[in-house]
Each structure stands twice: as structure tokens, then as C-alpha cells.
Amino acid sequence: PKIKVEIVVTAEMLDAAIEAIVKVARTGKI
């Protein structure tokens, strides 16, 4: 089981949104 989150952002906001997701979703495990 997984969760798929979908968002649409402006190109300017893209990097910040990706960074935020990676920062909080990472556990460091497979």
C-alpha cells in the first residue's frame, strides 16, 4: 500500500515543492 499525491504548481514553485516532499517523506529506508 502506498499513497499517490498529485499537485499542479507553477514552474517557479516546482523546486521548492519537490524539496518539501523529499524532506518530509524520506525515512532513509527502501
Full PDB file with SEQRES, HELIX, SHEET, SSBOND, CRYST1, ORIGX, SCALE, CONECT and MASTER records, all heavy atoms in Angstrom:
SEQRES   1 A   30  PRO LYS ILE LYS VAL GLU ILE VAL VAL THR ALA GLU MET          
SEQRES   2 A   30  LEU ASP ALA ALA ILE GLU ALA ILE VAL LYS VAL ALA ARG          
SEQRES   3 A   30  THR GLY LYS ILE                                              
HELIX    1 AA1 ALA A   11  MET A   13  5                                   3    
HELIX    2 AA2 LEU A   14  ALA A   25  1                                  12    
CRYST1    1.000    1.000    1.000  90.00  90.00  90.00 P 1           1          
ORIGX1      1.000000  0.000000  0.000000        0.00000                         
ORIGX2      0.000000  1.000000  0.000000        0.00000                         
ORIGX3      0.000000  0.000000  1.000000        0.00000                         
SCALE1      1.000000  0.000000  0.000000        0.00000                         
SCALE2      0.000000  1.000000  0.000000        0.00000                         
SCALE3      0.000000  0.000000  1.000000        0.00000                         
ATOM      1  N   PRO A   1       0.827  -1.203   0.000  1.00  0.00           N  
ATOM      2  CA  PRO A   1       0.000   0.000   0.000  1.00  0.00           C  
ATOM      3  C   PRO A   1       0.864   1.257   0.000  1.00  0.00           C  
ATOM      4  O   PRO A   1       1.836   1.356   0.746  1.00  0.00           O  
ATOM      5  CB  PRO A   1      -0.807  -0.120   1.292  1.00  0.00           C  
ATOM      6  CG  PRO A   1      -0.019  -1.032   2.163  1.00  0.00           C  
ATOM      7  CD  PRO A   1       0.740  -1.942   1.257  1.00  0.00           C  
ATOM      8  N   LYS A   2       0.509   2.189  -0.863  1.00  0.00           N  
ATOM      9  CA  LYS A   2       1.190   3.482  -0.962  1.00  0.00           C  
ATOM     10  C   LYS A   2       0.135   4.565  -1.136  1.00  0.00           C  
ATOM     11  O   LYS A   2      -1.045   4.282  -1.338  1.00  0.00           O  
ATOM     12  CB  LYS A   2       2.142   3.519  -2.170  1.00  0.00           C  
ATOM     13  CG  LYS A   2       3.229   2.462  -2.168  1.00  0.00           C  
ATOM     14  CD  LYS A   2       4.293   2.766  -1.161  1.00  0.00           C  
ATOM     15  CE  LYS A   2       5.384   1.707  -1.217  1.00  0.00           C  
ATOM     16  NZ  LYS A   2       6.435   1.949  -0.271  1.00  0.00           N  
ATOM     17  N   ILE A   3       0.572   5.805  -1.077  1.00  0.00           N  
ATOM     18  CA  ILE A   3      -0.294   6.952  -1.320  1.00  0.00           C  
ATOM     19  C   ILE A   3       0.273   7.735  -2.494  1.00  0.00           C  
ATOM     20  O   ILE A   3       1.478   7.980  -2.556  1.00  0.00           O  
ATOM     21  CB  ILE A   3      -0.363   7.880  -0.077  1.00  0.00           C  
ATOM     22  CG1 ILE A   3      -0.994   7.176   1.110  1.00  0.00           C  
ATOM     23  CG2 ILE A   3      -1.092   9.181  -0.393  1.00  0.00           C  
ATOM     24  CD1 ILE A   3      -2.470   6.905   0.975  1.00  0.00           C  
ATOM     25  N   LYS A   4      -0.587   8.113  -3.443  1.00  0.00           N  
ATOM     26  CA  LYS A   4      -0.159   8.974  -4.540  1.00  0.00           C  
ATOM     27  C   LYS A   4      -0.726  10.367  -4.307  1.00  0.00           C  
ATOM     28  O   LYS A   4      -1.938  10.536  -4.174  1.00  0.00           O  
ATOM     29  CB  LYS A   4      -0.626   8.440  -5.887  1.00  0.00           C  
ATOM     30  CG  LYS A   4      -0.194   9.345  -7.040  1.00  0.00           C  
ATOM     31  CD  LYS A   4      -0.268   8.684  -8.401  1.00  0.00           C  
ATOM     32  CE  LYS A   4      -1.659   8.527  -8.904  1.00  0.00           C  
ATOM     33  NZ  LYS A   4      -1.717   8.149 -10.328  1.00  0.00           N  
ATOM     34  N   VAL A   5       0.160  11.337  -4.232  1.00  0.00           N  
ATOM     35  CA  VAL A   5      -0.224  12.744  -4.055  1.00  0.00           C  
ATOM     36  C   VAL A   5       0.039  13.451  -5.379  1.00  0.00           C  
ATOM     37  O   VAL A   5       1.141  13.373  -5.918  1.00  0.00           O  
ATOM     38  CB  VAL A   5       0.605  13.408  -2.925  1.00  0.00           C  
ATOM     39  CG1 VAL A   5       0.245  14.875  -2.798  1.00  0.00           C  
ATOM     40  CG2 VAL A   5       0.411  12.683  -1.619  1.00  0.00           C  
ATOM     41  N   GLU A   6      -0.975  14.137  -5.899  1.00  0.00           N  
ATOM     42  CA  GLU A   6      -0.836  14.866  -7.154  1.00  0.00           C  
ATOM     43  C   GLU A   6      -1.093  16.350  -6.913  1.00  0.00           C  
ATOM     44  O   GLU A   6      -2.100  16.710  -6.302  1.00  0.00           O  
ATOM     45  CB  GLU A   6      -1.830  14.348  -8.187  1.00  0.00           C  
ATOM     46  CG  GLU A   6      -1.620  12.897  -8.561  1.00  0.00           C  
ATOM     47  CD  GLU A   6      -2.709  12.373  -9.479  1.00  0.00           C  
ATOM     48  OE1 GLU A   6      -2.557  12.500 -10.708  1.00  0.00           O  
ATOM     49  OE2 GLU A   6      -3.719  11.870  -8.945  1.00  0.00           O  
ATOM     50  N   ILE A   7      -0.173  17.181  -7.394  1.00  0.00           N  
ATOM     51  CA  ILE A   7      -0.360  18.630  -7.316  1.00  0.00           C  
ATOM     52  C   ILE A   7       0.093  19.256  -8.626  1.00  0.00           C  
ATOM     53  O   ILE A   7       0.923  18.695  -9.340  1.00  0.00           O  
ATOM     54  CB  ILE A   7       0.417  19.277  -6.136  1.00  0.00           C  
ATOM     55  CG1 ILE A   7       1.921  19.056  -6.279  1.00  0.00           C  
ATOM     56  CG2 ILE A   7      -0.075  18.757  -4.809  1.00  0.00           C  
ATOM     57  CD1 ILE A   7       2.754  19.819  -5.266  1.00  0.00           C  
ATOM     58  N   VAL A   8      -0.462  20.416  -8.930  1.00  0.00           N  
ATOM     59  CA  VAL A   8      -0.019  21.209 -10.079  1.00  0.00           C  
ATOM     60  C   VAL A   8       0.481  22.535  -9.527  1.00  0.00           C  
ATOM     61  O   VAL A   8      -0.213  23.197  -8.746  1.00  0.00           O  
ATOM     62  CB  VAL A   8      -1.166  21.416 -11.098  1.00  0.00           C  
ATOM     63  CG1 VAL A   8      -0.708  22.319 -12.235  1.00  0.00           C  
ATOM     64  CG2 VAL A   8      -1.639  20.084 -11.638  1.00  0.00           C  
ATOM     65  N   VAL A   9       1.702  22.887  -9.916  1.00  0.00           N  
ATOM     66  CA  VAL A   9       2.327  24.124  -9.425  1.00  0.00           C  
ATOM     67  C   VAL A   9       2.902  24.898 -10.596  1.00  0.00           C  
ATOM     68  O   VAL A   9       3.089  24.363 -11.688  1.00  0.00           O  
ATOM     69  CB  VAL A   9       3.452  23.816  -8.398  1.00  0.00           C  
ATOM     70  CG1 VAL A   9       2.891  23.155  -7.151  1.00  0.00           C  
ATOM     71  CG2 VAL A   9       4.542  22.963  -9.007  1.00  0.00           C  
ATOM     72  N   THR A  10       3.207  26.170 -10.349  1.00  0.00           N  
ATOM     73  CA  THR A  10       3.895  26.968 -11.359  1.00  0.00           C  
ATOM     74  C   THR A  10       5.336  26.489 -11.456  1.00  0.00           C  
ATOM     75  O   THR A  10       5.865  25.876 -10.524  1.00  0.00           O  
ATOM     76  CB  THR A  10       3.871  28.461 -10.990  1.00  0.00           C  
ATOM     77  OG1 THR A  10       4.533  28.631  -9.732  1.00  0.00           O  
ATOM     78  CG2 THR A  10       2.440  28.990 -10.903  1.00  0.00           C  
ATOM     79  N   ALA A  11       5.986  26.785 -12.555  1.00  0.00           N  
ATOM     80  CA  ALA A  11       7.375  26.367 -12.756  1.00  0.00           C  
ATOM     81  C   ALA A  11       8.284  26.953 -11.682  1.00  0.00           C  
ATOM     82  O   ALA A  11       9.248  26.314 -11.259  1.00  0.00           O  
ATOM     83  CB  ALA A  11       7.843  26.783 -14.148  1.00  0.00           C  
ATOM     84  N   GLU A  12       7.974  28.164 -11.218  1.00  0.00           N  
ATOM     85  CA  GLU A  12       8.785  28.814 -10.185  1.00  0.00           C  
ATOM     86  C   GLU A  12       8.695  28.083  -8.846  1.00  0.00           C  
ATOM     87  O   GLU A  12       9.619  28.110  -8.051  1.00  0.00           O  
ATOM     88  CB  GLU A  12       8.352  30.277  -9.986  1.00  0.00           C  
ATOM     89  CG  GLU A  12       8.522  31.159 -11.203  1.00  0.00           C  
ATOM     90  CD  GLU A  12       7.396  31.006 -12.217  1.00  0.00           C  
ATOM     91  OE1 GLU A  12       6.240  30.739 -11.832  1.00  0.00           O  
ATOM     92  OE2 GLU A  12       7.694  31.114 -13.425  1.00  0.00           O  
ATOM     93  N   MET A  13       7.582  27.443  -8.596  1.00  0.00           N  
ATOM     94  CA  MET A  13       7.344  26.779  -7.317  1.00  0.00           C  
ATOM     95  C   MET A  13       7.789  25.313  -7.324  1.00  0.00           C  
ATOM     96  O   MET A  13       7.834  24.670  -6.271  1.00  0.00           O  
ATOM     97  CB  MET A  13       5.850  26.864  -7.004  1.00  0.00           C  
ATOM     98  CG  MET A  13       5.467  26.622  -5.606  1.00  0.00           C  
ATOM     99  SD  MET A  13       3.695  26.891  -5.492  1.00  0.00           S  
ATOM    100  CE  MET A  13       3.592  27.288  -3.802  1.00  0.00           C  
ATOM    101  N   LEU A  14       8.153  24.799  -8.481  1.00  0.00           N  
ATOM    102  CA  LEU A  14       8.455  23.373  -8.651  1.00  0.00           C  
ATOM    103  C   LEU A  14       9.550  22.876  -7.714  1.00  0.00           C  
ATOM    104  O   LEU A  14       9.346  21.912  -6.980  1.00  0.00           O  
ATOM    105  CB  LEU A  14       8.837  23.090 -10.101  1.00  0.00           C  
ATOM    106  CG  LEU A  14       9.229  21.643 -10.412  1.00  0.00           C  
ATOM    107  CD1 LEU A  14       8.032  20.713 -10.215  1.00  0.00           C  
ATOM    108  CD2 LEU A  14       9.769  21.542 -11.814  1.00  0.00           C  
ATOM    109  N   ASP A  15      10.709  23.524  -7.728  1.00  0.00           N  
ATOM    110  CA  ASP A  15      11.841  23.040  -6.927  1.00  0.00           C  
ATOM    111  C   ASP A  15      11.531  23.052  -5.434  1.00  0.00           C  
ATOM    112  O   ASP A  15      11.888  22.129  -4.710  1.00  0.00           O  
ATOM    113  CB  ASP A  15      13.101  23.858  -7.224  1.00  0.00           C  
ATOM    114  CG  ASP A  15      13.636  23.600  -8.619  1.00  0.00           C  
ATOM    115  OD1 ASP A  15      13.366  22.513  -9.168  1.00  0.00           O  
ATOM    116  OD2 ASP A  15      14.322  24.477  -9.171  1.00  0.00           O  
ATOM    117  N   ALA A  16      10.871  24.094  -4.964  1.00  0.00           N  
ATOM    118  CA  ALA A  16      10.522  24.186  -3.540  1.00  0.00           C  
ATOM    119  C   ALA A  16       9.553  23.076  -3.142  1.00  0.00           C  
ATOM    120  O   ALA A  16       9.677  22.484  -2.064  1.00  0.00           O  
ATOM    121  CB  ALA A  16       9.925  25.551  -3.224  1.00  0.00           C  
ATOM    122  N   ALA A  17       8.588  22.773  -4.008  1.00  0.00           N  
ATOM    123  CA  ALA A  17       7.611  21.722  -3.715  1.00  0.00           C  
ATOM    124  C   ALA A  17       8.290  20.349  -3.675  1.00  0.00           C  
ATOM    125  O   ALA A  17       8.032  19.544  -2.768  1.00  0.00           O  
ATOM    126  CB  ALA A  17       6.490  21.733  -4.751  1.00  0.00           C  
ATOM    127  N   ILE A  18       9.180  20.093  -4.615  1.00  0.00           N  
ATOM    128  CA  ILE A  18       9.896  18.814  -4.632  1.00  0.00           C  
ATOM    129  C   ILE A  18      10.763  18.678  -3.385  1.00  0.00           C  
ATOM    130  O   ILE A  18      10.768  17.635  -2.734  1.00  0.00           O  
ATOM    131  CB  ILE A  18      10.745  18.680  -5.913  1.00  0.00           C  
ATOM    132  CG1 ILE A  18       9.835  18.516  -7.122  1.00  0.00           C  
ATOM    133  CG2 ILE A  18      11.710  17.496  -5.804  1.00  0.00           C  
ATOM    134  CD1 ILE A  18      10.550  18.582  -8.450  1.00  0.00           C  
ATOM    135  N   GLU A  19      11.492  19.743  -3.042  1.00  0.00           N  
ATOM    136  CA  GLU A  19      12.331  19.727  -1.833  1.00  0.00           C  
ATOM    137  C   GLU A  19      11.514  19.425  -0.591  1.00  0.00           C  
ATOM    138  O   GLU A  19      11.934  18.651   0.268  1.00  0.00           O  
ATOM    139  CB  GLU A  19      13.025  21.079  -1.652  1.00  0.00           C  
ATOM    140  CG  GLU A  19      14.369  21.177  -2.303  1.00  0.00           C  
ATOM    141  CD  GLU A  19      15.019  22.520  -2.014  1.00  0.00           C  
ATOM    142  OE1 GLU A  19      15.079  22.921  -0.829  1.00  0.00           O  
ATOM    143  OE2 GLU A  19      15.452  23.154  -2.982  1.00  0.00           O  
ATOM    144  N   ALA A  20      10.341  20.051  -0.478  1.00  0.00           N  
ATOM    145  CA  ALA A  20       9.491  19.853   0.690  1.00  0.00           C  
ATOM    146  C   ALA A  20       9.019  18.408   0.792  1.00  0.00           C  
ATOM    147  O   ALA A  20       9.041  17.811   1.870  1.00  0.00           O  
ATOM    148  CB  ALA A  20       8.292  20.800   0.623  1.00  0.00           C  
ATOM    149  N   ILE A  21       8.618  17.834  -0.328  1.00  0.00           N  
ATOM    150  CA  ILE A  21       8.149  16.445  -0.329  1.00  0.00           C  
ATOM    151  C   ILE A  21       9.282  15.506   0.062  1.00  0.00           C  
ATOM    152  O   ILE A  21       9.118  14.639   0.925  1.00  0.00           O  
ATOM    153  CB  ILE A  21       7.568  16.050  -1.704  1.00  0.00           C  
ATOM    154  CG1 ILE A  21       6.297  16.856  -1.998  1.00  0.00           C  
ATOM    155  CG2 ILE A  21       7.270  14.549  -1.749  1.00  0.00           C  
ATOM    156  CD1 ILE A  21       5.820  16.759  -3.434  1.00  0.00           C  
ATOM    157  N   VAL A  22      10.444  15.674  -0.567  1.00  0.00           N  
ATOM    158  CA  VAL A  22      11.584  14.800  -0.283  1.00  0.00           C  
ATOM    159  C   VAL A  22      11.996  14.909   1.182  1.00  0.00           C  
ATOM    160  O   VAL A  22      12.256  13.897   1.845  1.00  0.00           O  
ATOM    161  CB  VAL A  22      12.772  15.133  -1.215  1.00  0.00           C  
ATOM    162  CG1 VAL A  22      14.038  14.431  -0.756  1.00  0.00           C  
ATOM    163  CG2 VAL A  22      12.442  14.749  -2.654  1.00  0.00           C  
ATOM    164  N   LYS A  23      12.032  16.126   1.692  1.00  0.00           N  
ATOM    165  CA  LYS A  23      12.476  16.353   3.072  1.00  0.00           C  
ATOM    166  C   LYS A  23      11.609  15.609   4.087  1.00  0.00           C  
ATOM    167  O   LYS A  23      12.116  14.968   5.002  1.00  0.00           O  
ATOM    168  CB  LYS A  23      12.484  17.848   3.375  1.00  0.00           C  
ATOM    169  CG  LYS A  23      12.982  18.196   4.747  1.00  0.00           C  
ATOM    170  CD  LYS A  23      12.976  19.696   4.959  1.00  0.00           C  
ATOM    171  CE  LYS A  23      13.386  20.035   6.377  1.00  0.00           C  
ATOM    172  NZ  LYS A  23      13.290  21.469   6.639  1.00  0.00           N  
ATOM    173  N   VAL A  24      10.297  15.693   3.939  1.00  0.00           N  
ATOM    174  CA  VAL A  24       9.419  15.094   4.950  1.00  0.00           C  
ATOM    175  C   VAL A  24       9.062  13.634   4.671  1.00  0.00           C  
ATOM    176  O   VAL A  24       8.723  12.901   5.592  1.00  0.00           O  
ATOM    177  CB  VAL A  24       8.124  15.920   5.166  1.00  0.00           C  
ATOM    178  CG1 VAL A  24       8.447  17.305   5.642  1.00  0.00           C  
ATOM    179  CG2 VAL A  24       7.275  15.971   3.915  1.00  0.00           C  
ATOM    180  N   ALA A  25       9.147  13.185   3.410  1.00  0.00           N  
ATOM    181  CA  ALA A  25       8.752  11.810   3.082  1.00  0.00           C  
ATOM    182  C   ALA A  25       9.902  10.820   3.222  1.00  0.00           C  
ATOM    183  O   ALA A  25       9.673   9.620   3.265  1.00  0.00           O  
ATOM    184  CB  ALA A  25       8.185  11.744   1.665  1.00  0.00           C  
ATOM    185  N   ARG A  26      11.125  11.309   3.313  1.00  0.00           N  
ATOM    186  CA  ARG A  26      12.286  10.409   3.366  1.00  0.00           C  
ATOM    187  C   ARG A  26      12.439   9.787   4.749  1.00  0.00           C  
ATOM    188  O   ARG A  26      12.473  10.484   5.751  1.00  0.00           O  
ATOM    189  CB  ARG A  26      13.552  11.184   3.019  1.00  0.00           C  
ATOM    190  CG  ARG A  26      14.814  10.314   3.111  1.00  0.00           C  
ATOM    191  CD  ARG A  26      16.065  11.088   2.791  1.00  0.00           C  
ATOM    192  NE  ARG A  26      16.113  11.322   1.336  1.00  0.00           N  
ATOM    193  CZ  ARG A  26      16.704  12.365   0.798  1.00  0.00           C  
ATOM    194  NH1 ARG A  26      17.256  13.292   1.539  1.00  0.00           N  
ATOM    195  NH2 ARG A  26      16.716  12.491  -0.516  1.00  0.00           N  
ATOM    196  N   THR A  27      12.525   8.456   4.772  1.00  0.00           N  
ATOM    197  CA  THR A  27      12.848   7.738   6.010  1.00  0.00           C  
ATOM    198  C   THR A  27      14.254   7.161   5.930  1.00  0.00           C  
ATOM    199  O   THR A  27      14.818   6.761   6.934  1.00  0.00           O  
ATOM    200  CB  THR A  27      11.860   6.578   6.274  1.00  0.00           C  
ATOM    201  OG1 THR A  27      12.039   5.583   5.256  1.00  0.00           O  
ATOM    202  CG2 THR A  27      10.429   7.050   6.323  1.00  0.00           C  
ATOM    203  N   GLY A  28      14.790   7.089   4.709  1.00  0.00           N  
ATOM    204  CA  GLY A  28      16.104   6.510   4.507  1.00  0.00           C  
ATOM    205  C   GLY A  28      16.073   5.015   4.295  1.00  0.00           C  
ATOM    206  O   GLY A  28      17.104   4.378   4.147  1.00  0.00           O  
ATOM    207  N   LYS A  29      14.877   4.448   4.280  1.00  0.00           N  
ATOM    208  CA  LYS A  29      14.731   3.003   4.084  1.00  0.00           C  
ATOM    209  C   LYS A  29      14.127   2.732   2.714  1.00  0.00           C  
ATOM    210  O   LYS A  29      13.480   3.591   2.125  1.00  0.00           O  
ATOM    211  CB  LYS A  29      13.843   2.411   5.173  1.00  0.00           C  
ATOM    212  CG  LYS A  29      14.435   2.564   6.553  1.00  0.00           C  
ATOM    213  CD  LYS A  29      13.539   1.977   7.604  1.00  0.00           C  
ATOM    214  CE  LYS A  29      14.200   2.196   8.961  1.00  0.00           C  
ATOM    215  NZ  LYS A  29      13.245   2.223  10.033  1.00  0.00           N  
ATOM    216  N   ILE A  30      14.312   1.513   2.236  1.00  0.00           N  
ATOM    217  CA  ILE A  30      13.760   1.128   0.940  1.00  0.00           C  
ATOM    218  C   ILE A  30      12.240   1.292   0.963  1.00  0.00           C  
ATOM    219  O   ILE A  30      11.595   1.051   1.978  1.00  0.00           O  
ATOM    220  CB  ILE A  30      14.185  -0.316   0.588  1.00  0.00           C  
ATOM    221  CG1 ILE A  30      13.933  -0.591  -0.888  1.00  0.00           C  
ATOM    222  CG2 ILE A  30      13.517  -1.322   1.478  1.00  0.00           C  
ATOM    223  CD1 ILE A  30      14.637  -1.832  -1.396  1.00  0.00           C  
TER     224      ILE A  30                                                      
MASTER        0    0    0    2    0    0    0    6  223    1    0    3          
END                                                                             
